[in-house]
PDB file of N, CA and C in Angstrom:
ATOM      1  N   MET A   1     -25.493  -3.906   7.571  1.00  0.00           N
ATOM      2  CA  MET A   1     -24.072  -4.166   7.743  1.00  0.00           C
ATOM      3  C   MET A   1     -23.900  -4.921   9.065  1.00  0.00           C
ATOM      4  N   ASN A   2     -23.248  -6.079   8.991  1.00  0.00           N
ATOM      5  CA  ASN A   2     -23.016  -6.833  10.225  1.00  0.00           C
ATOM      6  C   ASN A   2     -21.758  -6.319  10.931  1.00  0.00           C
ATOM      7  N   TYR A   3     -21.498  -6.846  12.093  1.00  0.00           N
ATOM      8  CA  TYR A   3     -20.392  -6.362  12.916  1.00  0.00           C
ATOM      9  C   TYR A   3     -19.048  -6.525  12.205  1.00  0.00           C
ATOM     10  N   GLU A   4     -18.822  -7.677  11.581  1.00  0.00           N
ATOM     11  CA  GLU A   4     -17.550  -7.935  10.907  1.00  0.00           C
ATOM     12  C   GLU A   4     -17.320  -6.939   9.766  1.00  0.00           C
ATOM     13  N   GLU A   5     -18.352  -6.667   8.991  1.00  0.00           N
ATOM     14  CA  GLU A   5     -18.246  -5.688   7.914  1.00  0.00           C
ATOM     15  C   GLU A   5     -17.967  -4.293   8.467  1.00  0.00           C
ATOM     16  N   TYR A   6     -18.624  -3.966   9.577  1.00  0.00           N
ATOM     17  CA  TYR A   6     -18.404  -2.668  10.211  1.00  0.00           C
ATOM     18  C   TYR A   6     -16.953  -2.526  10.654  1.00  0.00           C
ATOM     19  N   VAL A   7     -16.406  -3.552  11.279  1.00  0.00           N
ATOM     20  CA  VAL A   7     -15.020  -3.508  11.759  1.00  0.00           C
ATOM     21  C   VAL A   7     -14.058  -3.345  10.588  1.00  0.00           C
ATOM     22  N   LYS A   8     -14.290  -4.071   9.499  1.00  0.00           N
ATOM     23  CA  LYS A   8     -13.427  -3.944   8.322  1.00  0.00           C
ATOM     24  C   LYS A   8     -13.490  -2.538   7.745  1.00  0.00           C
ATOM     25  N   GLU A   9     -14.692  -1.989   7.645  1.00  0.00           N
ATOM     26  CA  GLU A   9     -14.855  -0.640   7.105  1.00  0.00           C
ATOM     27  C   GLU A   9     -14.197   0.400   8.013  1.00  0.00           C
ATOM     28  N   TYR A  10     -14.348   0.222   9.313  1.00  0.00           N
ATOM     29  CA  TYR A  10     -13.723   1.136  10.271  1.00  0.00           C
ATOM     30  C   TYR A  10     -12.204   1.083  10.147  1.00  0.00           C
ATOM     31  N   ALA A  11     -11.644  -0.138  10.056  1.00  0.00           N
ATOM     32  CA  ALA A  11     -10.191  -0.289   9.933  1.00  0.00           C
ATOM     33  C   ALA A  11      -9.692   0.375   8.655  1.00  0.00           C
ATOM     34  N   LYS A  12     -10.447   0.239   7.572  1.00  0.00           N
ATOM     35  CA  LYS A  12     -10.066   0.866   6.309  1.00  0.00           C
ATOM     36  C   LYS A  12     -10.070   2.384   6.439  1.00  0.00           C
ATOM     37  N   THR A  13     -11.058   2.929   7.120  1.00  0.00           N
ATOM     38  CA  THR A  13     -11.145   4.368   7.338  1.00  0.00           C
ATOM     39  C   THR A  13      -9.972   4.873   8.166  1.00  0.00           C
ATOM     40  N   VAL A  14      -9.606   4.112   9.193  1.00  0.00           N
ATOM     41  CA  VAL A  14      -8.472   4.496  10.041  1.00  0.00           C
ATOM     42  C   VAL A  14      -7.179   4.482   9.225  1.00  0.00           C
ATOM     43  N   ARG A  15      -6.983   3.435   8.405  1.00  0.00           N
ATOM     44  CA  ARG A  15      -5.776   3.362   7.571  1.00  0.00           C
ATOM     45  C   ARG A  15      -5.721   4.527   6.592  1.00  0.00           C
ATOM     46  N   LYS A  16      -6.873   4.867   6.029  1.00  0.00           N
ATOM     47  CA  LYS A  16      -6.924   5.974   5.070  1.00  0.00           C
ATOM     48  C   LYS A  16      -6.545   7.294   5.755  1.00  0.00           C
ATOM     49  N   ALA A  17      -7.069   7.523   6.935  1.00  0.00           N
ATOM     50  CA  ALA A  17      -6.742   8.744   7.681  1.00  0.00           C
ATOM     51  C   ALA A  17      -5.253   8.780   8.028  1.00  0.00           C
ATOM     52  N   LYS A  18      -4.714   7.633   8.410  1.00  0.00           N
ATOM     53  CA  LYS A  18      -3.288   7.542   8.736  1.00  0.00           C
ATOM     54  C   LYS A  18      -2.442   7.868   7.503  1.00  0.00           C
ATOM     55  N   GLN A  19      -2.827   7.327   6.338  1.00  0.00           N
ATOM     56  CA  GLN A  19      -2.086   7.583   5.112  1.00  0.00           C
ATOM     57  C   GLN A  19      -2.134   9.064   4.738  1.00  0.00           C
ATOM     58  N   MET A  20      -3.301   9.659   4.878  1.00  0.00           N
ATOM     59  CA  MET A  20      -3.429  11.077   4.553  1.00  0.00           C
ATOM     60  C   MET A  20      -2.554  11.923   5.479  1.00  0.00           C
ATOM     61  N   SER A  21      -2.475  11.549   6.752  1.00  0.00           N
ATOM     62  CA  SER A  21      -1.614  12.260   7.699  1.00  0.00           C
ATOM     63  C   SER A  21      -0.152  12.100   7.320  1.00  0.00           C
ATOM     64  N   GLN A  22       0.236  10.874   6.956  1.00  0.00           N
ATOM     65  CA  GLN A  22       1.622  10.629   6.551  1.00  0.00           C
ATOM     66  C   GLN A  22       1.970  11.436   5.303  1.00  0.00           C
ATOM     67  N   ASN A  23       1.031  11.505   4.355  1.00  0.00           N
ATOM     68  CA  ASN A  23       1.272  12.275   3.138  1.00  0.00           C
ATOM     69  C   ASN A  23       1.464  13.755   3.448  1.00  0.00           C
ATOM     70  N   LEU A  24       0.681  14.270   4.359  1.00  0.00           N
ATOM     71  CA  LEU A  24       0.813  15.674   4.738  1.00  0.00           C
ATOM     72  C   LEU A  24       2.163  15.929   5.387  1.00  0.00           C
ATOM     73  N   ILE A  25       2.606  15.038   6.238  1.00  0.00           N
ATOM     74  CA  ILE A  25       3.926  15.168   6.873  1.00  0.00           C
ATOM     75  C   ILE A  25       5.018  15.140   5.811  1.00  0.00           C
ATOM     76  N   LEU A  26       4.931  14.194   4.872  1.00  0.00           N
ATOM     77  CA  LEU A  26       5.933  14.105   3.805  1.00  0.00           C
ATOM     78  C   LEU A  26       5.937  15.370   2.958  1.00  0.00           C
ATOM     79  N   TYR A  27       4.759  15.908   2.683  1.00  0.00           N
ATOM     80  CA  TYR A  27       4.680  17.161   1.918  1.00  0.00           C
ATOM     81  C   TYR A  27       5.366  18.285   2.675  1.00  0.00           C
ATOM     82  N   ARG A  28       5.088  18.388   3.966  1.00  0.00           N
ATOM     83  CA  ARG A  28       5.698  19.450   4.773  1.00  0.00           C
ATOM     84  C   ARG A  28       7.210  19.297   4.845  1.00  0.00           C
ATOM     85  N   GLU A  29       7.696  18.055   4.918  1.00  0.00           N
ATOM     86  CA  GLU A  29       9.135  17.809   5.019  1.00  0.00           C
ATOM     87  C   GLU A  29       9.861  18.053   3.702  1.00  0.00           C
ATOM     88  N   THR A  30       9.220  17.703   2.590  1.00  0.00           N
ATOM     89  CA  THR A  30       9.911  17.746   1.302  1.00  0.00           C
ATOM     90  C   THR A  30       9.466  18.891   0.401  1.00  0.00           C
ATOM     91  N   GLY A  31       8.267  19.410   0.614  1.00  0.00           N
ATOM     92  CA  GLY A  31       7.718  20.426  -0.281  1.00  0.00           C
ATOM     93  C   GLY A  31       7.231  19.835  -1.599  1.00  0.00           C
ATOM     94  N   ASP A  32       7.277  18.508  -1.719  1.00  0.00           N
ATOM     95  CA  ASP A  32       6.877  17.821  -2.943  1.00  0.00           C
ATOM     96  C   ASP A  32       5.353  17.703  -2.982  1.00  0.00           C
ATOM     97  N   GLU A  33       4.729  18.437  -3.895  1.00  0.00           N
ATOM     98  CA  GLU A  33       3.268  18.455  -3.969  1.00  0.00           C
ATOM     99  C   GLU A  33       2.662  17.142  -4.434  1.00  0.00           C
ATOM    100  N   SER A  34       3.477  16.236  -4.969  1.00  0.00           N
ATOM    101  CA  SER A  34       2.930  14.958  -5.412  1.00  0.00           C
ATOM    102  C   SER A  34       2.336  14.178  -4.241  1.00  0.00           C
ATOM    103  N   TYR A  35       2.808  14.457  -3.021  1.00  0.00           N
ATOM    104  CA  TYR A  35       2.238  13.779  -1.852  1.00  0.00           C
ATOM    105  C   TYR A  35       0.807  14.233  -1.576  1.00  0.00           C
ATOM    106  N   LEU A  36       0.423  15.359  -2.121  1.00  0.00           N
ATOM    107  CA  LEU A  36      -0.939  15.837  -1.945  1.00  0.00           C
ATOM    108  C   LEU A  36      -1.861  15.313  -3.038  1.00  0.00           C
ATOM    109  N   LYS A  37      -1.297  14.629  -4.026  1.00  0.00           N
ATOM    110  CA  LYS A  37      -2.064  14.185  -5.178  1.00  0.00           C
ATOM    111  C   LYS A  37      -2.124  12.671  -5.280  1.00  0.00           C
ATOM    112  N   LEU A  38      -2.066  11.972  -4.190  1.00  0.00           N
ATOM    113  CA  LEU A  38      -2.031  10.517  -4.235  1.00  0.00           C
ATOM    114  C   LEU A  38      -3.424   9.903  -4.221  1.00  0.00           C
ATOM    115  N   ASP A  39      -4.368  10.593  -4.756  1.00  0.00           N
ATOM    116  CA  ASP A  39      -5.736  10.128  -4.995  1.00  0.00           C
ATOM    117  C   ASP A  39      -6.421   9.492  -3.795  1.00  0.00           C
ATOM    118  N   ASN A  40      -5.981   9.832  -2.605  1.00  0.00           N
ATOM    119  CA  ASN A  40      -6.616   9.403  -1.353  1.00  0.00           C
ATOM    120  C   ASN A  40      -6.843   7.896  -1.264  1.00  0.00           C
ATOM    121  N   LYS A  41      -6.020   7.115  -1.910  1.00  0.00           N
ATOM    122  CA  LYS A  41      -6.089   5.672  -1.772  1.00  0.00           C
ATOM    123  C   LYS A  41      -5.291   5.267  -0.539  1.00  0.00           C
ATOM    124  N   ILE A  42      -5.466   4.034  -0.153  1.00  0.00           N
ATOM    125  CA  ILE A  42      -4.704   3.514   0.972  1.00  0.00           C
ATOM    126  C   ILE A  42      -3.442   2.873   0.426  1.00  0.00           C
ATOM    127  N   TYR A  43      -2.315   3.138   1.069  1.00  0.00           N
ATOM    128  CA  TYR A  43      -1.035   2.574   0.665  1.00  0.00           C
ATOM    129  C   TYR A  43      -0.432   1.799   1.823  1.00  0.00           C
ATOM    130  N   TYR A  44       0.284   0.739   1.483  1.00  0.00           N
ATOM    131  CA  TYR A  44       0.867  -0.153   2.479  1.00  0.00           C
ATOM    132  C   TYR A  44       2.378  -0.225   2.293  1.00  0.00           C
ATOM    133  N   THR A  45       3.099  -0.328   3.401  1.00  0.00           N
ATOM    134  CA  THR A  45       4.537  -0.570   3.342  1.00  0.00           C
ATOM    135  C   THR A  45       4.760  -1.987   2.822  1.00  0.00           C
ATOM    136  N   THR A  46       5.997  -2.303   2.507  1.00  0.00           N
ATOM    137  CA  THR A  46       6.312  -3.649   2.021  1.00  0.00           C
ATOM    138  C   THR A  46       5.940  -4.695   3.063  1.00  0.00           C
ATOM    139  N   LYS A  47       6.213  -4.422   4.323  1.00  0.00           N
ATOM    140  CA  LYS A  47       5.898  -5.360   5.408  1.00  0.00           C
ATOM    141  C   LYS A  47       4.381  -5.551   5.526  1.00  0.00           C
ATOM    142  N   GLU A  48       3.626  -4.458   5.497  1.00  0.00           N
ATOM    143  CA  GLU A  48       2.174  -4.553   5.575  1.00  0.00           C
ATOM    144  C   GLU A  48       1.621  -5.334   4.377  1.00  0.00           C
ATOM    145  N   PHE A  49       2.153  -5.052   3.188  1.00  0.00           N
ATOM    146  CA  PHE A  49       1.734  -5.749   1.974  1.00  0.00           C
ATOM    147  C   PHE A  49       1.996  -7.244   2.116  1.00  0.00           C
ATOM    148  N   ALA A  50       3.188  -7.607   2.590  1.00  0.00           N
ATOM    149  CA  ALA A  50       3.549  -9.017   2.771  1.00  0.00           C
ATOM    150  C   ALA A  50       2.606  -9.703   3.765  1.00  0.00           C
ATOM    151  N   ASP A  51       2.324  -9.040   4.869  1.00  0.00           N
ATOM    152  CA  ASP A  51       1.425  -9.612   5.880  1.00  0.00           C
ATOM    153  C   ASP A  51       0.028  -9.851   5.313  1.00  0.00           C
ATOM    154  N   ILE A  52      -0.468  -8.901   4.543  1.00  0.00           N
ATOM    155  CA  ILE A  52      -1.818  -9.004   3.996  1.00  0.00           C
ATOM    156  C   ILE A  52      -1.924 -10.159   2.995  1.00  0.00           C
ATOM    157  N   VAL A  53      -0.923 -10.296   2.119  1.00  0.00           N
ATOM    158  CA  VAL A  53      -1.009 -11.335   1.086  1.00  0.00           C
ATOM    159  C   VAL A  53      -0.448 -12.674   1.554  1.00  0.00           C
ATOM    160  N   GLY A  54       0.145 -12.703   2.754  1.00  0.00           N
ATOM    161  CA  GLY A  54       0.572 -13.964   3.350  1.00  0.00           C
ATOM    162  C   GLY A  54       1.897 -14.507   2.860  1.00  0.00           C
ATOM    163  N   VAL A  55       2.828 -13.617   2.548  1.00  0.00           N
ATOM    164  CA  VAL A  55       4.167 -14.038   2.144  1.00  0.00           C
ATOM    165  C   VAL A  55       5.197 -13.271   2.964  1.00  0.00           C
ATOM    166  N   SER A  56       6.460 -13.625   2.788  1.00  0.00           N
ATOM    167  CA  SER A  56       7.511 -12.939   3.539  1.00  0.00           C
ATOM    168  C   SER A  56       7.853 -11.591   2.907  1.00  0.00           C
ATOM    169  N   LEU A  57       8.482 -10.756   3.689  1.00  0.00           N
ATOM    170  CA  LEU A  57       8.957  -9.455   3.222  1.00  0.00           C
ATOM    171  C   LEU A  57       9.907  -9.648   2.042  1.00  0.00           C
ATOM    172  N   LYS A  58      10.815 -10.595   2.157  1.00  0.00           N
ATOM    173  CA  LYS A  58      11.798 -10.874   1.098  1.00  0.00           C
ATOM    174  C   LYS A  58      11.097 -11.284  -0.204  1.00  0.00           C
ATOM    175  N   THR A  59      10.010 -12.057  -0.098  1.00  0.00           N
ATOM    176  CA  THR A  59       9.270 -12.473  -1.293  1.00  0.00           C
ATOM    177  C   THR A  59       8.701 -11.266  -2.026  1.00  0.00           C
ATOM    178  N   VAL A  60       8.107 -10.332  -1.283  1.00  0.00           N
ATOM    179  CA  VAL A  60       7.548  -9.127  -1.923  1.00  0.00           C
ATOM    180  C   VAL A  60       8.658  -8.318  -2.579  1.00  0.00           C
ATOM    181  N   GLN A  61       9.796  -8.192  -1.906  1.00  0.00           N
ATOM    182  CA  GLN A  61      10.920  -7.448  -2.483  1.00  0.00           C
ATOM    183  C   GLN A  61      11.406  -8.120  -3.772  1.00  0.00           C
ATOM    184  N   THR A  62      11.460  -9.438  -3.759  1.00  0.00           N
ATOM    185  CA  THR A  62      11.880 -10.183  -4.948  1.00  0.00           C
ATOM    186  C   THR A  62      10.887  -9.978  -6.080  1.00  0.00           C
ATOM    187  N   TRP A  63       9.571 -10.085  -5.773  1.00  0.00           N
ATOM    188  CA  TRP A  63       8.544  -9.858  -6.783  1.00  0.00           C
ATOM    189  C   TRP A  63       8.688  -8.473  -7.390  1.00  0.00           C
ATOM    190  N   ASP A  64       8.921  -7.472  -6.531  1.00  0.00           N
ATOM    191  CA  ASP A  64       9.035  -6.099  -7.011  1.00  0.00           C
ATOM    192  C   ASP A  64      10.263  -5.954  -7.907  1.00  0.00           C
ATOM    193  N   ASN A  65      11.391  -6.506  -7.482  1.00  0.00           N
ATOM    194  CA  ASN A  65      12.620  -6.415  -8.274  1.00  0.00           C
ATOM    195  C   ASN A  65      12.476  -7.088  -9.633  1.00  0.00           C
ATOM    196  N   LYS A  66      11.675  -8.140  -9.702  1.00  0.00           N
ATOM    197  CA  LYS A  66      11.446  -8.864 -10.958  1.00  0.00           C
ATOM    198  C   LYS A  66      10.306  -8.259 -11.775  1.00  0.00           C
ATOM    199  N   GLY A  67       9.619  -7.259 -11.223  1.00  0.00           N
ATOM    200  CA  GLY A  67       8.517  -6.625 -11.937  1.00  0.00           C
ATOM    201  C   GLY A  67       7.215  -7.404 -11.872  1.00  0.00           C
ATOM    202  N   LEU A  68       7.120  -8.335 -10.929  1.00  0.00           N
ATOM    203  CA  LEU A  68       5.907  -9.141 -10.806  1.00  0.00           C
ATOM    204  C   LEU A  68       4.811  -8.414 -10.042  1.00  0.00           C
ATOM    205  N   VAL A  69       5.190  -7.521  -9.157  1.00  0.00           N
ATOM    206  CA  VAL A  69       4.282  -6.572  -8.518  1.00  0.00           C
ATOM    207  C   VAL A  69       4.930  -5.208  -8.672  1.00  0.00           C
ATOM    208  N   LYS A  70       4.145  -4.172  -8.518  1.00  0.00           N
ATOM    209  CA  LYS A  70       4.670  -2.824  -8.734  1.00  0.00           C
ATOM    210  C   LYS A  70       4.244  -1.922  -7.581  1.00  0.00           C
ATOM    211  N   CYS A  71       5.232  -1.298  -6.959  1.00  0.00           N
ATOM    212  CA  CYS A  71       4.869  -0.356  -5.900  1.00  0.00           C
ATOM    213  C   CYS A  71       4.293   0.902  -6.554  1.00  0.00           C
ATOM    214  N   HIS A  72       3.405   1.546  -5.828  1.00  0.00           N
ATOM    215  CA  HIS A  72       2.761   2.755  -6.351  1.00  0.00           C
ATOM    216  C   HIS A  72       3.730   3.926  -6.358  1.00  0.00           C
ATOM    217  N   HIS A  73       4.470   4.064  -5.261  1.00  0.00           N
ATOM    218  CA  HIS A  73       5.466   5.123  -5.156  1.00  0.00           C
ATOM    219  C   HIS A  73       6.469   4.764  -4.072  1.00  0.00           C
ATOM    220  N   ARG A  74       7.512   5.552  -3.985  1.00  0.00           N
ATOM    221  CA  ARG A  74       8.521   5.361  -2.939  1.00  0.00           C
ATOM    222  C   ARG A  74       8.532   6.579  -2.029  1.00  0.00           C
ATOM    223  N   THR A  75       8.837   6.317  -0.783  1.00  0.00           N
ATOM    224  CA  THR A  75       8.949   7.406   0.190  1.00  0.00           C
ATOM    225  C   THR A  75      10.280   8.125  -0.040  1.00  0.00           C
ATOM    226  N   PRO A  76      10.492   9.297   0.563  1.00  0.00           N
ATOM    227  CA  PRO A  76      11.766   9.988   0.395  1.00  0.00           C
ATOM    228  C   PRO A  76      12.971   9.137   0.816  1.00  0.00           C
ATOM    229  N   SER A  77      12.762   8.230   1.763  1.00  0.00           N
ATOM    230  CA  SER A  77      13.857   7.362   2.201  1.00  0.00           C
ATOM    231  C   SER A  77      14.000   6.112   1.331  1.00  0.00           C
ATOM    232  N   GLY A  78      13.147   5.971   0.302  1.00  0.00           N
ATOM    233  CA  GLY A  78      13.248   4.854  -0.626  1.00  0.00           C
ATOM    234  C   GLY A  78      12.333   3.685  -0.336  1.00  0.00           C
ATOM    235  N   GLY A  79      11.517   3.775   0.715  1.00  0.00           N
ATOM    236  CA  GLY A  79      10.594   2.694   1.046  1.00  0.00           C
ATOM    237  C   GLY A  79       9.503   2.554  -0.001  1.00  0.00           C
ATOM    238  N   ARG A  80       9.167   1.326  -0.301  1.00  0.00           N
ATOM    239  CA  ARG A  80       8.116   1.061  -1.289  1.00  0.00           C
ATOM    240  C   ARG A  80       6.744   1.162  -0.632  1.00  0.00           C
ATOM    241  N   MET A  81       5.798   1.754  -1.350  1.00  0.00           N
ATOM    242  CA  MET A  81       4.422   1.849  -0.885  1.00  0.00           C
ATOM    243  C   MET A  81       3.529   1.230  -1.952  1.00  0.00           C
ATOM    244  N   TYR A  82       2.709   0.270  -1.517  1.00  0.00           N
ATOM    245  CA  TYR A  82       1.841  -0.468  -2.427  1.00  0.00           C
ATOM    246  C   TYR A  82       0.398  -0.020  -2.241  1.00  0.00           C
ATOM    247  N   SER A  83      -0.326   0.056  -3.349  1.00  0.00           N
ATOM    248  CA  SER A  83      -1.723   0.515  -3.311  1.00  0.00           C
ATOM    249  C   SER A  83      -2.671  -0.613  -2.950  1.00  0.00           C
ATOM    250  N   ASP A  84      -3.859  -0.217  -2.545  1.00  0.00           N
ATOM    251  CA  ASP A  84      -4.950  -1.159  -2.309  1.00  0.00           C
ATOM    252  C   ASP A  84      -5.201  -1.998  -3.560  1.00  0.00           C
ATOM    253  N   ASP A  85      -5.110  -1.367  -4.725  1.00  0.00           N
ATOM    254  CA  ASP A  85      -5.349  -2.069  -5.984  1.00  0.00           C
ATOM    255  C   ASP A  85      -4.346  -3.197  -6.194  1.00  0.00           C
ATOM    256  N   GLU A  86      -3.078  -2.948  -5.884  1.00  0.00           N
ATOM    257  CA  GLU A  86      -2.051  -3.978  -6.052  1.00  0.00           C
ATOM    258  C   GLU A  86      -2.288  -5.133  -5.087  1.00  0.00           C
ATOM    259  N   VAL A  87      -2.662  -4.814  -3.850  1.00  0.00           N
ATOM    260  CA  VAL A  87      -2.991  -5.851  -2.878  1.00  0.00           C
ATOM    261  C   VAL A  87      -4.143  -6.701  -3.397  1.00  0.00           C
ATOM    262  N   ARG A  88      -5.188  -6.038  -3.872  1.00  0.00           N
ATOM    263  CA  ARG A  88      -6.368  -6.730  -4.373  1.00  0.00           C
ATOM    264  C   ARG A  88      -6.009  -7.637  -5.554  1.00  0.00           C
ATOM    265  N   GLN A  89      -5.154  -7.147  -6.450  1.00  0.00           N
ATOM    266  CA  GLN A  89      -4.763  -7.947  -7.608  1.00  0.00           C
ATOM    267  C   GLN A  89      -4.007  -9.197  -7.187  1.00  0.00           C
ATOM    268  N   VAL A  90      -3.125  -9.070  -6.214  1.00  0.00           N
ATOM    269  CA  VAL A  90      -2.380 -10.238  -5.734  1.00  0.00           C
ATOM    270  C   VAL A  90      -3.337 -11.230  -5.089  1.00  0.00           C
ATOM    271  N   LEU A  91      -4.232 -10.723  -4.264  1.00  0.00           N
ATOM    272  CA  LEU A  91      -5.170 -11.615  -3.587  1.00  0.00           C
ATOM    273  C   LEU A  91      -6.118 -12.302  -4.563  1.00  0.00           C
ATOM    274  N   GLU A  92      -6.418 -11.648  -5.664  1.00  0.00           N
ATOM    275  CA  GLU A  92      -7.303 -12.230  -6.666  1.00  0.00           C
ATOM    276  C   GLU A  92      -6.542 -13.029  -7.719  1.00  0.00           C
ATOM    277  N   GLY A  93      -5.214 -13.047  -7.614  1.00  0.00           N
ATOM    278  CA  GLY A  93      -4.408 -13.797  -8.568  1.00  0.00           C
ATOM    279  C   GLY A  93      -4.263 -13.135  -9.918  1.00  0.00           C
ATOM    280  N   LYS A  94      -4.543 -11.829  -9.977  1.00  0.00           N
ATOM    281  CA  LYS A  94      -4.487 -11.103 -11.250  1.00  0.00           C
ATOM    282  C   LYS A  94      -3.225 -10.250 -11.331  1.00  0.00           C
ATOM    283  N   THR A  95      -2.112 -10.816 -10.958  1.00  0.00           N
ATOM    284  CA  THR A  95      -0.870 -10.054 -10.973  1.00  0.00           C
ATOM    285  C   THR A  95      -0.047 -10.409 -12.191  1.00  0.00           C
ATOM    286  N   ARG A  96       1.069  -9.765 -12.294  1.00  0.00           N
ATOM    287  CA  ARG A  96       2.008 -10.041 -13.382  1.00  0.00           C
ATOM    288  C   ARG A  96       2.829 -11.290 -13.076  1.00  0.00           C
ATOM    289  N   ARG A  97       2.598 -11.879 -11.899  1.00  0.00           N
ATOM    290  CA  ARG A  97       3.360 -13.088 -11.536  1.00  0.00           C
ATOM    291  C   ARG A  97       2.545 -14.337 -11.836  1.00  0.00           C
ATOM    292  N   THR A  98       3.232 -15.418 -12.008  1.00  0.00           N
ATOM    293  CA  THR A  98       2.572 -16.697 -12.212  1.00  0.00           C
ATOM    294  C   THR A  98       2.352 -17.330 -10.872  1.00  0.00           C
ATOM    295  N   MET A  99       1.094 -17.704 -10.582  1.00  0.00           N
ATOM    296  CA  MET A  99       0.778 -18.310  -9.287  1.00  0.00           C
ATOM    297  C   MET A  99       1.269 -19.730  -9.249  1.00  0.00           C
TER     298      MET A  99
END
């Protein structure tokens, strides 16, 4: 594993730990056990998703409203959370949207 691969893997691990912590906080606040069952994937806010795929926040919101991308779940405050899989599909051009 070269340095660049190590840094990417480390960043992914940190994001995963952060997501698990956020899920635990949401579970404690809401009592909703579904936050404990989110299959330990990494989830991104709309802003993070937009930054990763290289578009504006408004573009991601428009795609979501049109059903071209799909958020994995919403936070108690209504924020959209996108999965690693959805990010990967957009980056690979395998989305429900026309490139």
